[in-house]
PDB file of N, CA and C in Angstrom:
ATOM      1  N   MET A   1     135.273 125.440  75.632  1.00  0.00           N
ATOM      2  CA  MET A   1     134.751 126.748  74.663  1.00  0.00           C
ATOM      3  C   MET A   1     133.999 126.320  73.573  1.00  0.00           C
ATOM      4  N   LEU A   2     134.582 125.215  72.854  1.00  0.00           N
ATOM      5  CA  LEU A   2     133.701 124.393  71.672  1.00  0.00           C
ATOM      6  C   LEU A   2     132.145 124.049  72.293  1.00  0.00           C
ATOM      7  N   SER A   3     132.083 123.361  73.473  1.00  0.00           N
ATOM      8  CA  SER A   3     130.730 123.288  74.029  1.00  0.00           C
ATOM      9  C   SER A   3     129.942 124.404  73.899  1.00  0.00           C
ATOM     10  N   ARG A   4     130.452 125.398  74.760  1.00  0.00           N
ATOM     11  CA  ARG A   4     129.485 126.648  74.520  1.00  0.00           C
ATOM     12  C   ARG A   4     129.006 126.959  73.519  1.00  0.00           C
ATOM     13  N   LEU A   5     130.062 126.972  72.472  1.00  0.00           N
ATOM     14  CA  LEU A   5     129.629 127.568  71.119  1.00  0.00           C
ATOM     15  C   LEU A   5     128.767 126.893  70.278  1.00  0.00           C
ATOM     16  N   SER A   6     128.965 125.525  70.513  1.00  0.00           N
ATOM     17  CA  SER A   6     127.656 124.509  69.963  1.00  0.00           C
ATOM     18  C   SER A   6     126.409 124.929  70.757  1.00  0.00           C
ATOM     19  N   ALA A   7     126.470 125.046  72.010  1.00  0.00           N
ATOM     20  CA  ALA A   7     125.154 125.230  72.808  1.00  0.00           C
ATOM     21  C   ALA A   7     124.294 126.672  72.413  1.00  0.00           C
ATOM     22  N   TRP A   8     125.423 127.403  72.178  1.00  0.00           N
ATOM     23  CA  TRP A   8     124.721 128.715  71.632  1.00  0.00           C
ATOM     24  C   TRP A   8     124.195 128.574  70.079  1.00  0.00           C
ATOM     25  N   PHE A   9     124.739 127.861  69.374  1.00  0.00           N
ATOM     26  CA  PHE A   9     124.487 127.746  68.355  1.00  0.00           C
ATOM     27  C   PHE A   9     123.201 127.054  67.677  1.00  0.00           C
ATOM     28  N   VAL A  10     122.578 126.393  68.823  1.00  0.00           N
ATOM     29  CA  VAL A  10     121.492 125.563  68.609  1.00  0.00           C
ATOM     30  C   VAL A  10     120.389 126.044  69.448  1.00  0.00           C
ATOM     31  N   ASN A  11     120.818 126.795  70.296  1.00  0.00           N
ATOM     32  CA  ASN A  11     119.757 127.850  71.311  1.00  0.00           C
ATOM     33  C   ASN A  11     118.829 128.591  70.634  1.00  0.00           C
ATOM     34  N   PRO A  12     117.569 128.297  70.563  1.00  0.00           N
ATOM     35  CA  PRO A  12     117.087 129.464  69.695  1.00  0.00           C
ATOM     36  C   PRO A  12     116.421 130.886  70.565  1.00  0.00           C
ATOM     37  N   ARG A  13     117.080 130.668  71.746  1.00  0.00           N
ATOM     38  CA  ARG A  13     116.736 131.977  72.478  1.00  0.00           C
ATOM     39  C   ARG A  13     117.542 132.639  72.377  1.00  0.00           C
ATOM     40  N   ARG A  14     118.812 132.475  72.032  1.00  0.00           N
ATOM     41  CA  ARG A  14     120.083 133.150  71.966  1.00  0.00           C
ATOM     42  C   ARG A  14     120.483 133.476  70.711  1.00  0.00           C
ATOM     43  N   ASN A  15     120.657 132.454  69.787  1.00  0.00           N
ATOM     44  CA  ASN A  15     120.979 132.417  68.208  1.00  0.00           C
ATOM     45  C   ASN A  15     119.918 132.940  67.342  1.00  0.00           C
ATOM     46  N   PRO A  16     119.857 134.116  66.548  1.00  0.00           N
ATOM     47  CA  PRO A  16     118.815 134.474  65.975  1.00  0.00           C
ATOM     48  C   PRO A  16     118.649 133.484  64.459  1.00  0.00           C
ATOM     49  N   LEU A  17     119.752 132.793  64.001  1.00  0.00           N
ATOM     50  CA  LEU A  17     119.430 131.978  63.093  1.00  0.00           C
ATOM     51  C   LEU A  17     118.852 130.301  63.442  1.00  0.00           C
ATOM     52  N   ALA A  18     118.968 130.269  64.862  1.00  0.00           N
ATOM     53  CA  ALA A  18     118.277 128.821  65.220  1.00  0.00           C
ATOM     54  C   ALA A  18     116.754 129.461  65.649  1.00  0.00           C
ATOM     55  N   ARG A  19     116.663 130.451  65.668  1.00  0.00           N
ATOM     56  CA  ARG A  19     115.000 131.149  65.996  1.00  0.00           C
ATOM     57  C   ARG A  19     114.624 130.989  64.621  1.00  0.00           C
ATOM     58  N   LEU A  20     115.118 131.426  63.707  1.00  0.00           N
ATOM     59  CA  LEU A  20     114.422 131.389  62.111  1.00  0.00           C
ATOM     60  C   LEU A  20     114.373 129.955  61.795  1.00  0.00           C
ATOM     61  N   HIS A  21     115.074 129.140  62.193  1.00  0.00           N
ATOM     62  CA  HIS A  21     115.144 127.921  61.680  1.00  0.00           C
ATOM     63  C   HIS A  21     113.826 126.982  62.342  1.00  0.00           C
ATOM     64  N   ARG A  22     113.753 127.641  63.867  1.00  0.00           N
ATOM     65  CA  ARG A  22     112.529 126.990  64.708  1.00  0.00           C
ATOM     66  C   ARG A  22     111.532 127.435  64.289  1.00  0.00           C
ATOM     67  N   ASP A  23     111.189 128.760  63.757  1.00  0.00           N
ATOM     68  CA  ASP A  23     110.022 129.240  63.253  1.00  0.00           C
ATOM     69  C   ASP A  23     109.414 128.566  61.980  1.00  0.00           C
ATOM     70  N   ALA A  24     110.740 128.271  60.991  1.00  0.00           N
ATOM     71  CA  ALA A  24     110.618 127.837  59.883  1.00  0.00           C
ATOM     72  C   ALA A  24     109.982 126.460  60.062  1.00  0.00           C
ATOM     73  N   VAL A  25     110.424 125.559  60.945  1.00  0.00           N
ATOM     74  CA  VAL A  25     109.917 124.051  61.190  1.00  0.00           C
ATOM     75  C   VAL A  25     108.425 124.337  61.616  1.00  0.00           C
ATOM     76  N   ALA A  26     108.560 125.418  62.816  1.00  0.00           N
ATOM     77  CA  ALA A  26     106.953 125.274  63.403  1.00  0.00           C
ATOM     78  C   ALA A  26     105.706 125.833  62.319  1.00  0.00           C
ATOM     79  N   ALA A  27     106.244 126.554  61.504  1.00  0.00           N
ATOM     80  CA  ALA A  27     105.305 127.109  60.429  1.00  0.00           C
ATOM     81  C   ALA A  27     105.150 125.666  59.741  1.00  0.00           C
ATOM     82  N   ARG A  28     106.130 124.907  59.106  1.00  0.00           N
ATOM     83  CA  ARG A  28     105.602 123.643  58.068  1.00  0.00           C
ATOM     84  C   ARG A  28     104.760 122.615  59.084  1.00  0.00           C
ATOM     85  N   LEU A  29     104.860 122.767  60.441  1.00  0.00           N
ATOM     86  CA  LEU A  29     104.532 121.626  61.373  1.00  0.00           C
ATOM     87  C   LEU A  29     102.950 121.844  61.312  1.00  0.00           C
ATOM     88  N   ARG A  30     102.703 123.306  61.337  1.00  0.00           N
ATOM     89  CA  ARG A  30     101.257 123.867  61.778  1.00  0.00           C
ATOM     90  C   ARG A  30     100.471 123.801  60.664  1.00  0.00           C
ATOM     91  N   LYS A  31     101.050 123.684  59.446  1.00  0.00           N
ATOM     92  CA  LYS A  31     100.439 123.817  57.959  1.00  0.00           C
ATOM     93  C   LYS A  31      99.899 122.107  58.258  1.00  0.00           C
ATOM     94  N   TYR A  32     100.324 121.247  58.792  1.00  0.00           N
ATOM     95  CA  TYR A  32      99.981 120.145  58.749  1.00  0.00           C
ATOM     96  C   TYR A  32      99.122 119.626  60.018  1.00  0.00           C
ATOM     97  N   GLY A  33      98.985 120.489  60.946  1.00  0.00           N
ATOM     98  CA  GLY A  33      98.666 120.235  62.237  1.00  0.00           C
ATOM     99  C   GLY A  33      99.730 119.349  63.275  1.00  0.00           C
ATOM    100  N   LEU A  34     100.611 118.934  62.905  1.00  0.00           N
ATOM    101  CA  LEU A  34     101.428 118.337  63.680  1.00  0.00           C
ATOM    102  C   LEU A  34     102.590 118.998  64.704  1.00  0.00           C
ATOM    103  N   ARG A  35     102.707 118.304  65.790  1.00  0.00           N
ATOM    104  CA  ARG A  35     103.783 118.580  66.669  1.00  0.00           C
ATOM    105  C   ARG A  35     105.289 118.241  66.720  1.00  0.00           C
ATOM    106  N   TYR A  36     106.170 118.597  66.914  1.00  0.00           N
ATOM    107  CA  TYR A  36     107.477 118.374  66.508  1.00  0.00           C
ATOM    108  C   TYR A  36     107.761 116.781  67.146  1.00  0.00           C
ATOM    109  N   ASP A  37     106.856 116.806  68.228  1.00  0.00           N
ATOM    110  CA  ASP A  37     107.084 115.376  68.818  1.00  0.00           C
ATOM    111  C   ASP A  37     106.593 114.173  67.953  1.00  0.00           C
ATOM    112  N   ASP A  38     105.667 114.501  66.895  1.00  0.00           N
ATOM    113  CA  ASP A  38     105.068 113.399  65.986  1.00  0.00           C
ATOM    114  C   ASP A  38     105.944 113.136  65.175  1.00  0.00           C
ATOM    115  N   LEU A  39     107.418 113.770  64.812  1.00  0.00           N
ATOM    116  CA  LEU A  39     107.986 113.393  63.821  1.00  0.00           C
ATOM    117  C   LEU A  39     109.119 112.225  64.326  1.00  0.00           C
ATOM    118  N   TYR A  40     109.140 111.827  65.725  1.00  0.00           N
ATOM    119  CA  TYR A  40     109.793 110.781  65.997  1.00  0.00           C
ATOM    120  C   TYR A  40     109.097 109.499  65.740  1.00  0.00           C
ATOM    121  N   ASP A  41     110.420 108.384  65.110  1.00  0.00           N
ATOM    122  CA  ASP A  41     109.759 107.121  64.807  1.00  0.00           C
ATOM    123  C   ASP A  41     109.844 106.123  65.845  1.00  0.00           C
ATOM    124  N   PRO A  42     108.517 105.682  66.347  1.00  0.00           N
ATOM    125  CA  PRO A  42     108.802 104.623  67.743  1.00  0.00           C
ATOM    126  C   PRO A  42     109.322 103.399  66.889  1.00  0.00           C
ATOM    127  N   TYR A  43     109.314 102.733  65.737  1.00  0.00           N
ATOM    128  CA  TYR A  43     110.143 101.761  65.208  1.00  0.00           C
ATOM    129  C   TYR A  43     111.575 101.739  64.827  1.00  0.00           C
ATOM    130  N   HIS A  44     111.633 103.132  65.037  1.00  0.00           N
ATOM    131  CA  HIS A  44     112.951 103.147  64.666  1.00  0.00           C
ATOM    132  C   HIS A  44     114.037 103.636  66.090  1.00  0.00           C
ATOM    133  N   ASP A  45     113.300 104.005  67.062  1.00  0.00           N
ATOM    134  CA  ASP A  45     114.350 104.246  68.566  1.00  0.00           C
ATOM    135  C   ASP A  45     113.237 103.566  69.451  1.00  0.00           C
ATOM    136  N   LEU A  46     114.066 102.960  70.196  1.00  0.00           N
ATOM    137  CA  LEU A  46     113.367 102.127  71.397  1.00  0.00           C
ATOM    138  C   LEU A  46     112.811 102.839  72.434  1.00  0.00           C
ATOM    139  N   ASP A  47     113.583 104.173  72.676  1.00  0.00           N
ATOM    140  CA  ASP A  47     113.286 104.975  73.645  1.00  0.00           C
ATOM    141  C   ASP A  47     111.910 105.559  73.365  1.00  0.00           C
ATOM    142  N   ILE A  48     111.783 106.175  72.167  1.00  0.00           N
ATOM    143  CA  ILE A  48     110.668 106.642  72.023  1.00  0.00           C
ATOM    144  C   ILE A  48     109.271 105.546  71.818  1.00  0.00           C
ATOM    145  N   ARG A  49     109.566 104.483  71.573  1.00  0.00           N
ATOM    146  CA  ARG A  49     108.647 103.433  71.942  1.00  0.00           C
ATOM    147  C   ARG A  49     108.253 103.168  73.314  1.00  0.00           C
ATOM    148  N   GLU A  50     109.285 103.212  74.036  1.00  0.00           N
ATOM    149  CA  GLU A  50     109.016 103.055  75.549  1.00  0.00           C
ATOM    150  C   GLU A  50     108.375 104.560  75.902  1.00  0.00           C
ATOM    151  N   ALA A  51     108.854 105.440  75.688  1.00  0.00           N
ATOM    152  CA  ALA A  51     107.842 106.718  75.926  1.00  0.00           C
ATOM    153  C   ALA A  51     106.671 106.872  75.595  1.00  0.00           C
ATOM    154  N   LEU A  52     106.218 106.181  74.513  1.00  0.00           N
ATOM    155  CA  LEU A  52     104.676 106.529  73.912  1.00  0.00           C
ATOM    156  C   LEU A  52     104.001 105.355  74.948  1.00  0.00           C
ATOM    157  N   ALA A  53     104.672 104.160  75.153  1.00  0.00           N
ATOM    158  CA  ALA A  53     103.929 103.648  75.663  1.00  0.00           C
ATOM    159  C   ALA A  53     103.440 103.603  77.567  1.00  0.00           C
ATOM    160  N   ARG A  54     104.228 104.627  77.968  1.00  0.00           N
ATOM    161  CA  ARG A  54     103.900 105.165  79.038  1.00  0.00           C
ATOM    162  C   ARG A  54     103.075 106.593  79.088  1.00  0.00           C
ATOM    163  N   LEU A  55     102.762 107.081  78.014  1.00  0.00           N
ATOM    164  CA  LEU A  55     101.716 108.095  78.131  1.00  0.00           C
ATOM    165  C   LEU A  55     100.314 107.719  77.879  1.00  0.00           C
ATOM    166  N   PRO A  56      99.682 108.726  78.579  1.00  0.00           N
ATOM    167  CA  PRO A  56      98.321 108.148  78.497  1.00  0.00           C
ATOM    168  C   PRO A  56      97.605 107.972  77.208  1.00  0.00           C
ATOM    169  N   ARG A  57      96.405 107.024  76.962  1.00  0.00           N
ATOM    170  CA  ARG A  57      96.218 106.380  75.685  1.00  0.00           C
ATOM    171  C   ARG A  57      95.482 107.512  74.989  1.00  0.00           C
ATOM    172  N   GLU A  58      94.981 108.469  75.540  1.00  0.00           N
ATOM    173  CA  GLU A  58      94.410 109.529  74.807  1.00  0.00           C
ATOM    174  C   GLU A  58      95.175 110.490  74.108  1.00  0.00           C
ATOM    175  N   VAL A  59      96.850 110.774  74.737  1.00  0.00           N
ATOM    176  CA  VAL A  59      97.611 111.684  73.980  1.00  0.00           C
ATOM    177  C   VAL A  59      98.401 110.745  72.798  1.00  0.00           C
ATOM    178  N   VAL A  60      98.261 109.094  73.207  1.00  0.00           N
ATOM    179  CA  VAL A  60      98.990 108.508  71.747  1.00  0.00           C
ATOM    180  C   VAL A  60      98.011 108.625  70.822  1.00  0.00           C
ATOM    181  N   ASP A  61      96.294 108.538  71.156  1.00  0.00           N
ATOM    182  CA  ASP A  61      95.481 108.448  69.945  1.00  0.00           C
ATOM    183  C   ASP A  61      95.519 109.800  69.634  1.00  0.00           C
ATOM    184  N   ALA A  62      95.420 110.843  70.057  1.00  0.00           N
ATOM    185  CA  ALA A  62      95.683 112.154  69.520  1.00  0.00           C
ATOM    186  C   ALA A  62      96.756 112.493  68.519  1.00  0.00           C
ATOM    187  N   ARG A  63      97.871 111.993  69.238  1.00  0.00           N
ATOM    188  CA  ARG A  63      99.103 111.676  68.009  1.00  0.00           C
ATOM    189  C   ARG A  63      99.068 111.202  66.933  1.00  0.00           C
ATOM    190  N   ASN A  64      98.294 109.668  66.861  1.00  0.00           N
ATOM    191  CA  ASN A  64      98.082 108.904  65.791  1.00  0.00           C
ATOM    192  C   ASN A  64      96.911 109.742  64.956  1.00  0.00           C
ATOM    193  N   ALA A  65      96.044 110.659  65.422  1.00  0.00           N
ATOM    194  CA  ALA A  65      95.001 110.894  64.697  1.00  0.00           C
ATOM    195  C   ALA A  65      95.779 112.443  63.532  1.00  0.00           C
ATOM    196  N   ARG A  66      96.875 113.146  64.623  1.00  0.00           N
ATOM    197  CA  ARG A  66      97.579 113.812  63.564  1.00  0.00           C
ATOM    198  C   ARG A  66      98.211 113.530  62.673  1.00  0.00           C
ATOM    199  N   LEU A  67      98.795 112.077  63.017  1.00  0.00           N
ATOM    200  CA  LEU A  67      99.594 111.794  61.818  1.00  0.00           C
ATOM    201  C   LEU A  67      98.721 111.532  60.341  1.00  0.00           C
ATOM    202  N   LYS A  68      97.619 110.900  60.670  1.00  0.00           N
ATOM    203  CA  LYS A  68      96.665 110.146  59.853  1.00  0.00           C
ATOM    204  C   LYS A  68      96.248 111.460  59.112  1.00  0.00           C
ATOM    205  N   ARG A  69      95.911 112.389  59.978  1.00  0.00           N
ATOM    206  CA  ARG A  69      95.619 113.572  59.367  1.00  0.00           C
ATOM    207  C   ARG A  69      96.793 114.357  58.333  1.00  0.00           C
ATOM    208  N   ALA A  70      97.607 114.587  58.750  1.00  0.00           N
ATOM    209  CA  ALA A  70      99.039 114.982  57.877  1.00  0.00           C
ATOM    210  C   ALA A  70      98.974 114.194  56.605  1.00  0.00           C
ATOM    211  N   MET A  71      99.144 112.961  56.760  1.00  0.00           N
ATOM    212  CA  MET A  71      99.399 111.938  55.989  1.00  0.00           C
ATOM    213  C   MET A  71      98.484 112.329  54.615  1.00  0.00           C
ATOM    214  N   ASP A  72      97.259 112.452  55.139  1.00  0.00           N
ATOM    215  CA  ASP A  72      95.968 112.651  54.331  1.00  0.00           C
ATOM    216  C   ASP A  72      95.942 113.942  53.698  1.00  0.00           C
ATOM    217  N   LEU A  73      96.115 115.176  54.206  1.00  0.00           N
ATOM    218  CA  LEU A  73      96.377 116.420  53.556  1.00  0.00           C
ATOM    219  C   LEU A  73      97.766 116.548  52.695  1.00  0.00           C
ATOM    220  N   SER A  74      98.771 115.571  53.134  1.00  0.00           N
ATOM    221  CA  SER A  74      99.751 115.539  52.215  1.00  0.00           C
ATOM    222  C   SER A  74      99.584 114.738  50.919  1.00  0.00           C
ATOM    223  N   MET A  75      98.968 113.900  51.035  1.00  0.00           N
ATOM    224  CA  MET A  75      98.617 113.038  49.729  1.00  0.00           C
ATOM    225  C   MET A  75      97.284 113.642  48.626  1.00  0.00           C
ATOM    226  N   LYS A  76      96.619 114.787  49.547  1.00  0.00           N
ATOM    227  CA  LYS A  76      95.898 115.541  48.613  1.00  0.00           C
ATOM    228  C   LYS A  76      96.183 116.940  48.176  1.00  0.00           C
ATOM    229  N   HIS A  77      97.578 117.211  48.618  1.00  0.00           N
ATOM    230  CA  HIS A  77      98.195 118.534  48.340  1.00  0.00           C
ATOM    231  C   HIS A  77      97.827 119.728  48.528  1.00  0.00           C
ATOM    232  N   GLN A  78      97.101 119.323  50.287  1.00  0.00           N
ATOM    233  CA  GLN A  78      96.339 120.603  50.867  1.00  0.00           C
ATOM    234  C   GLN A  78      97.135 120.873  52.154  1.00  0.00           C
ATOM    235  N   TYR A  79      96.690 122.095  52.869  1.00  0.00           N
ATOM    236  CA  TYR A  79      97.255 122.432  53.856  1.00  0.00           C
ATOM    237  C   TYR A  79      95.924 122.302  54.874  1.00  0.00           C
ATOM    238  N   LEU A  80      96.240 122.387  56.111  1.00  0.00           N
ATOM    239  CA  LEU A  80      94.990 122.754  57.338  1.00  0.00           C
ATOM    240  C   LEU A  80      94.365 124.281  56.921  1.00  0.00           C
ATOM    241  N   PRO A  81      93.001 124.231  57.098  1.00  0.00           N
ATOM    242  CA  PRO A  81      92.656 125.689  57.099  1.00  0.00           C
ATOM    243  C   PRO A  81      93.216 126.560  58.100  1.00  0.00           C
ATOM    244  N   ASP A  82      93.088 128.106  57.720  1.00  0.00           N
ATOM    245  CA  ASP A  82      94.044 128.784  58.733  1.00  0.00           C
ATOM    246  C   ASP A  82      93.492 128.967  59.881  1.00  0.00           C
ATOM    247  N   ASP A  83      92.383 128.582  60.375  1.00  0.00           N
ATOM    248  CA  ASP A  83      91.540 128.622  61.748  1.00  0.00           C
ATOM    249  C   ASP A  83      92.068 127.840  62.311  1.00  0.00           C
ATOM    250  N   VAL A  84      92.298 126.684  61.919  1.00  0.00           N
ATOM    251  CA  VAL A  84      92.714 125.311  62.515  1.00  0.00           C
ATOM    252  C   VAL A  84      94.264 125.414  62.724  1.00  0.00           C
ATOM    253  N   GLN A  85      94.922 126.014  62.213  1.00  0.00           N
ATOM    254  CA  GLN A  85      96.623 126.142  62.118  1.00  0.00           C
ATOM    255  C   GLN A  85      96.812 126.811  63.310  1.00  0.00           C
ATOM    256  N   VAL A  86      96.077 127.904  63.456  1.00  0.00           N
ATOM    257  CA  VAL A  86      96.243 129.062  64.595  1.00  0.00           C
ATOM    258  C   VAL A  86      96.137 128.418  65.969  1.00  0.00           C
ATOM    259  N   LYS A  87      95.515 127.341  66.391  1.00  0.00           N
ATOM    260  CA  LYS A  87      95.378 126.660  67.290  1.00  0.00           C
ATOM    261  C   LYS A  87      96.448 125.591  67.358  1.00  0.00           C
ATOM    262  N   SER A  88      96.833 124.959  66.677  1.00  0.00           N
ATOM    263  CA  SER A  88      97.864 124.202  66.800  1.00  0.00           C
ATOM    264  C   SER A  88      99.293 124.592  67.533  1.00  0.00           C
ATOM    265  N   ARG A  89      99.815 124.051  68.469  1.00  0.00           N
ATOM    266  CA  ARG A  89     101.268 124.515  68.682  1.00  0.00           C
ATOM    267  C   ARG A  89     102.422 123.408  68.368  1.00  0.00           C
ATOM    268  N   GLY A  90     103.361 123.828  67.272  1.00  0.00           N
ATOM    269  CA  GLY A  90     104.067 122.811  66.727  1.00  0.00           C
ATOM    270  C   GLY A  90     105.728 122.427  68.035  1.00  0.00           C
ATOM    271  N   PHE A  91     105.772 123.253  68.783  1.00  0.00           N
ATOM    272  CA  PHE A  91     106.579 122.613  69.702  1.00  0.00           C
ATOM    273  C   PHE A  91     106.087 122.378  71.151  1.00  0.00           C
ATOM    274  N   ALA A  92     105.065 121.761  71.457  1.00  0.00           N
ATOM    275  CA  ALA A  92     104.408 121.222  72.534  1.00  0.00           C
ATOM    276  C   ALA A  92     105.391 120.057  72.829  1.00  0.00           C
ATOM    277  N   PHE A  93     106.244 119.551  73.570  1.00  0.00           N
ATOM    278  CA  PHE A  93     106.967 118.794  73.804  1.00  0.00           C
ATOM    279  C   PHE A  93     106.228 117.767  74.798  1.00  0.00           C
ATOM    280  N   ARG A  94     106.041 116.455  74.431  1.00  0.00           N
ATOM    281  CA  ARG A  94     105.414 115.517  75.446  1.00  0.00           C
ATOM    282  C   ARG A  94     106.360 114.140  75.502  1.00  0.00           C
ATOM    283  N   ILE A  95     107.057 113.558  74.728  1.00  0.00           N
ATOM    284  CA  ILE A  95     107.779 112.698  74.430  1.00  0.00           C
ATOM    285  C   ILE A  95     109.578 112.926  74.542  1.00  0.00           C
ATOM    286  N   GLY A  96     109.696 113.992  74.381  1.00  0.00           N
ATOM    287  CA  GLY A  96     111.104 114.572  73.829  1.00  0.00           C
ATOM    288  C   GLY A  96     112.064 115.116  75.214  1.00  0.00           C
ATOM    289  N   GLY A  97     111.399 114.795  76.445  1.00  0.00           N
ATOM    290  CA  GLY A  97     112.020 114.864  77.555  1.00  0.00           C
ATOM    291  C   GLY A  97     111.762 115.765  78.119  1.00  0.00           C
ATOM    292  N   ARG A  98     110.954 116.920  77.582  1.00  0.00           N
ATOM    293  CA  ARG A  98     110.460 118.267  77.961  1.00  0.00           C
ATOM    294  C   ARG A  98     108.987 118.290  77.810  1.00  0.00           C
ATOM    295  N   SER A  99     108.401 119.099  78.858  1.00  0.00           N
ATOM    296  CA  SER A  99     107.015 118.965  79.341  1.00  0.00           C
ATOM    297  C   SER A  99     106.081 120.203  78.771  1.00  0.00           C
ATOM    298  N   SER A 100     107.036 121.463  78.641  1.00  0.00           N
ATOM    299  CA  SER A 100     106.476 122.826  78.452  1.00  0.00           C
ATOM    300  C   SER A 100     106.933 123.033  76.725  1.00  0.00           C
ATOM    301  N   GLU A 101     105.818 124.022  76.607  1.00  0.00           N
ATOM    302  CA  GLU A 101     106.424 124.567  75.047  1.00  0.00           C
ATOM    303  C   GLU A 101     107.217 125.335  74.920  1.00  0.00           C
ATOM    304  N   ASP A 102     108.344 125.350  73.953  1.00  0.00           N
ATOM    305  CA  ASP A 102     109.581 126.224  73.749  1.00  0.00           C
ATOM    306  C   ASP A 102     109.427 126.985  72.865  1.00  0.00           C
ATOM    307  N   ASN A 103     108.927 128.211  73.355  1.00  0.00           N
ATOM    308  CA  ASN A 103     108.830 129.460  72.751  1.00  0.00           C
ATOM    309  C   ASN A 103     110.049 130.510  73.201  1.00  0.00           C
TER     310      ASN A 103
END
């Protein structure tokens, strides 16, 4: 019973509060041009480091470029232009165990 309740609580497809939270996080990530997987730290988790090592070099380079751009924007207290924000997908998972976008 408790496991079903906790599964419902964090599932954005069933729980409207989880959906609101996911949308708020996606909006914040979109402002900086990040994906949710970009927030994982490879120095903190060895599994993430291994997953990044297995990804194609172009994907890792794109991740690093997104992180550098987000740090630069954060230091300047700016956000991405609106036309670039629309193109980014915040929840396109590549290293978190899923490979499709969770909308």
